[in-house]
Amino acid sequence: MMGSKYVAIIISVLLICLVGIVMPVANNAESKVKEWFDAKAYPYLYIEQSQETKAAAFKDVAQRPDFLVYAGKHGVIAVDSKNKPFNTDFKSFAVSESDISLLSGFHNLFGFPVWLVFYAHGSGSTYHWMSLDDVKNFEVRTGKQEKGGAFRAVPMKFCKEIKTSDDISKLFL
């Protein structure tokens, strides 16, 4: 007999394969990533982020990613797009510790691997990706970035660079 976790994963994959949800996206990074998914014909679900669509059980426990994407033999991945400026002094992107904690909560609840995709204004056709597990390997800092709260600086050189002409499978090489 299949466990409920496997049934949920199977249902999610079927939904991703059968349904294409088209909704307005909230920021430039989300819209650019969505355009790329559409151009490549990747099956995905866009997760609407309004408070009305957020389960009460998520409060202070989990944050929804922006997308669930079917990545072929790699299964379903959760993708959270970050509309972050690139810090030219430190050659990095900042991710708040709060986001990391809440996305980890999502992973713990649903089991999908979580990937962050950074797209800065002016990045053109280039996206910088890093798994949430890899982001957690960088030290926690405090300072001017992320409104004075705790954050992790993700150096661009450790990100997987994917261009719009690339395939999502490049994440797994």
Protein backbone atom coordinates (compact mmCIF):
# COMPACT_ATOMS: atom_id res chain seq x y z
CA MET A 1 0.00 0.00 0.00
CA MET A 2 1.30 3.45 -0.92
CA GLY A 3 2.00 5.97 1.85
CA SER A 4 0.21 9.30 1.82
CA LYS A 5 3.46 11.11 0.97
CA TYR A 6 3.82 9.11 -2.25
CA VAL A 7 0.18 9.65 -3.17
CA ALA A 8 0.65 13.42 -2.70
CA ILE A 9 3.76 13.37 -4.90
CA ILE A 10 1.98 11.39 -7.62
CA ILE A 11 -1.00 13.76 -7.53
CA SER A 12 1.35 16.77 -7.73
CA VAL A 13 3.18 15.33 -10.72
CA LEU A 14 -0.11 14.55 -12.47
CA LEU A 15 -1.35 18.08 -11.84
CA ILE A 16 1.87 19.53 -13.18
CA CYS A 17 1.66 17.35 -16.29
CA LEU A 18 -2.02 18.02 -16.93
CA VAL A 19 -2.64 21.58 -15.81
CA GLY A 20 -1.13 24.84 -16.97
CA ILE A 21 -2.06 27.66 -14.64
CA VAL A 22 -1.68 31.12 -16.07
CA MET A 23 -1.81 33.83 -13.44
CA PRO A 24 -0.19 37.23 -13.16
CA VAL A 25 3.20 37.01 -11.51
CA ALA A 26 4.34 39.31 -8.74
CA ASN A 27 7.82 40.44 -9.73
CA ASN A 28 10.23 40.67 -12.63
CA ALA A 29 12.16 37.55 -11.62
CA GLU A 30 8.98 35.49 -11.48
CA SER A 31 7.79 36.76 -14.85
CA LYS A 32 11.18 36.10 -16.48
CA VAL A 33 11.38 32.58 -15.04
CA LYS A 34 7.78 31.92 -16.10
CA GLU A 35 8.58 33.12 -19.64
CA TRP A 36 11.54 30.72 -19.73
CA PHE A 37 9.43 27.78 -18.47
CA ASP A 38 6.79 28.58 -21.11
CA ALA A 39 9.33 28.96 -23.94
CA LYS A 40 10.87 25.60 -23.01
CA ALA A 41 7.41 24.02 -22.53
CA TYR A 42 8.27 22.82 -19.02
CA PRO A 43 5.23 21.57 -17.10
CA TYR A 44 4.85 23.75 -14.01
CA LEU A 45 2.42 25.14 -11.50
CA TYR A 46 2.65 28.78 -10.50
CA ILE A 47 1.83 29.13 -6.81
CA GLU A 48 -0.17 32.29 -6.22
CA GLN A 49 1.28 34.09 -3.20
CA SER A 50 -1.62 36.09 -1.75
CA GLN A 51 -2.58 35.62 1.90
CA GLU A 52 -6.00 34.30 0.85
CA THR A 53 -4.34 31.27 -0.76
CA LYS A 54 -1.97 30.52 2.13
CA ALA A 55 -2.84 27.67 4.50
CA ALA A 56 -3.07 28.70 8.15
CA ALA A 57 -0.74 25.78 8.95
CA PHE A 58 2.06 27.60 7.06
CA LYS A 59 2.09 30.59 9.42
CA ASP A 60 5.63 30.98 10.77
CA VAL A 61 6.43 27.43 9.58
CA ALA A 62 6.76 27.43 5.81
CA GLN A 63 6.94 29.69 2.78
CA ARG A 64 5.56 28.65 -0.56
CA PRO A 65 7.95 28.66 -3.49
CA ASP A 66 6.83 30.42 -6.66
CA PHE A 67 6.68 27.31 -8.83
CA LEU A 68 6.54 23.53 -8.78
CA VAL A 69 8.28 22.30 -11.91
CA TYR A 70 8.43 18.83 -13.39
CA ALA A 71 12.14 18.32 -14.20
CA GLY A 72 11.93 15.00 -16.06
CA LYS A 73 13.82 12.13 -14.48
CA HIS A 74 14.68 14.41 -11.56
CA GLY A 75 11.02 14.66 -10.57
CA VAL A 76 9.30 17.72 -9.18
CA ILE A 77 11.36 20.61 -7.86
CA ALA A 78 10.19 23.68 -6.00
CA VAL A 79 11.53 26.94 -7.44
CA ASP A 80 11.61 30.25 -5.61
CA SER A 81 12.59 33.17 -7.81
CA LYS A 82 14.50 36.01 -6.22
CA ASN A 83 14.38 39.48 -7.69
CA LYS A 84 17.62 40.49 -6.01
CA PRO A 85 20.25 42.97 -7.07
CA PHE A 86 23.70 41.53 -7.48
CA ASN A 87 26.12 42.97 -4.92
CA THR A 88 29.02 44.05 -7.11
CA ASP A 89 31.37 44.64 -4.14
CA PHE A 90 30.98 41.09 -2.82
CA LYS A 91 29.93 39.44 -6.10
CA SER A 92 26.98 37.81 -4.39
CA PHE A 93 23.23 37.69 -3.89
CA ALA A 94 21.71 38.05 -0.39
CA VAL A 95 19.05 35.66 0.88
CA SER A 96 17.34 36.44 4.17
CA GLU A 97 17.66 33.85 6.91
CA SER A 98 13.90 34.10 7.32
CA ASP A 99 13.34 33.02 3.68
CA ILE A 100 15.80 30.15 4.14
CA SER A 101 14.06 28.96 7.29
CA LEU A 102 10.56 29.17 5.81
CA LEU A 103 11.54 27.50 2.51
CA SER A 104 13.19 24.74 4.58
CA GLY A 105 9.85 24.34 6.32
CA PHE A 106 8.17 23.86 2.93
CA HIS A 107 10.77 21.23 2.01
CA ASN A 108 10.27 19.44 5.32
CA LEU A 109 6.48 19.36 4.84
CA PHE A 110 6.37 18.29 1.18
CA GLY A 111 9.75 16.74 0.44
CA PHE A 112 10.36 18.56 -2.84
CA PRO A 113 13.93 19.80 -3.38
CA VAL A 114 13.94 23.61 -3.30
CA TRP A 115 15.96 25.68 -5.77
CA LEU A 116 16.46 29.42 -5.67
CA VAL A 117 16.83 31.26 -8.96
CA PHE A 118 18.32 34.75 -8.88
CA TYR A 119 17.47 37.16 -11.63
CA ALA A 120 18.70 40.71 -11.34
CA HIS A 121 17.39 43.55 -13.48
CA GLY A 122 19.61 43.73 -16.53
CA SER A 123 20.66 40.07 -16.35
CA GLY A 124 19.29 39.50 -19.82
CA SER A 125 19.04 35.80 -20.59
CA THR A 126 21.07 34.58 -17.61
CA TYR A 127 19.72 33.06 -14.41
CA HIS A 128 21.78 32.01 -11.39
CA TRP A 129 20.52 28.92 -9.55
CA MET A 130 21.43 27.31 -6.25
CA SER A 131 19.75 24.57 -4.26
CA LEU A 132 18.46 25.58 -0.85
CA ASP A 133 20.70 22.91 0.70
CA ASP A 134 23.74 24.56 -0.87
CA VAL A 135 22.64 28.04 0.25
CA LYS A 136 22.59 26.75 3.83
CA ASN A 137 26.33 26.02 3.57
CA PHE A 138 27.17 29.75 3.59
CA GLU A 139 27.61 31.56 6.88
CA VAL A 140 24.87 33.66 8.41
CA ARG A 141 25.65 37.39 8.41
CA THR A 142 23.99 40.55 9.58
CA GLY A 143 24.33 44.02 8.20
CA LYS A 144 22.97 46.46 5.68
CA GLN A 145 21.60 43.83 3.32
CA GLU A 146 18.18 42.35 4.01
CA LYS A 147 17.08 45.35 6.09
CA GLY A 148 19.58 44.66 8.87
CA GLY A 149 18.32 41.14 9.49
CA ALA A 150 20.28 37.92 9.23
CA PHE A 151 21.10 36.78 5.69
CA ARG A 152 23.44 34.55 3.73
CA ALA A 153 25.55 35.91 0.90
CA VAL A 154 25.45 33.54 -2.06
CA PRO A 155 28.54 34.07 -4.23
CA MET A 156 27.70 34.12 -7.92
CA LYS A 157 30.70 31.89 -8.69
CA PHE A 158 29.04 29.00 -6.81
CA CYS A 159 25.70 29.35 -8.60
CA LYS A 160 24.75 27.26 -11.60
CA GLU A 161 24.47 29.68 -14.49
CA ILE A 162 21.66 28.84 -16.86
CA LYS A 163 20.85 30.81 -19.97
CA THR A 164 17.46 30.83 -21.67
CA SER A 165 18.91 28.58 -24.37
CA ASP A 166 19.92 25.95 -21.76
CA ASP A 167 17.85 23.06 -20.47
CA ILE A 168 16.77 22.75 -16.84
CA SER A 169 18.65 19.43 -16.65
CA LYS A 170 21.84 21.54 -16.45
CA LEU A 171 20.95 22.03 -12.78
CA PHE A 172 21.72 18.40 -12.12
CA LEU A 173 25.10 18.14 -13.91
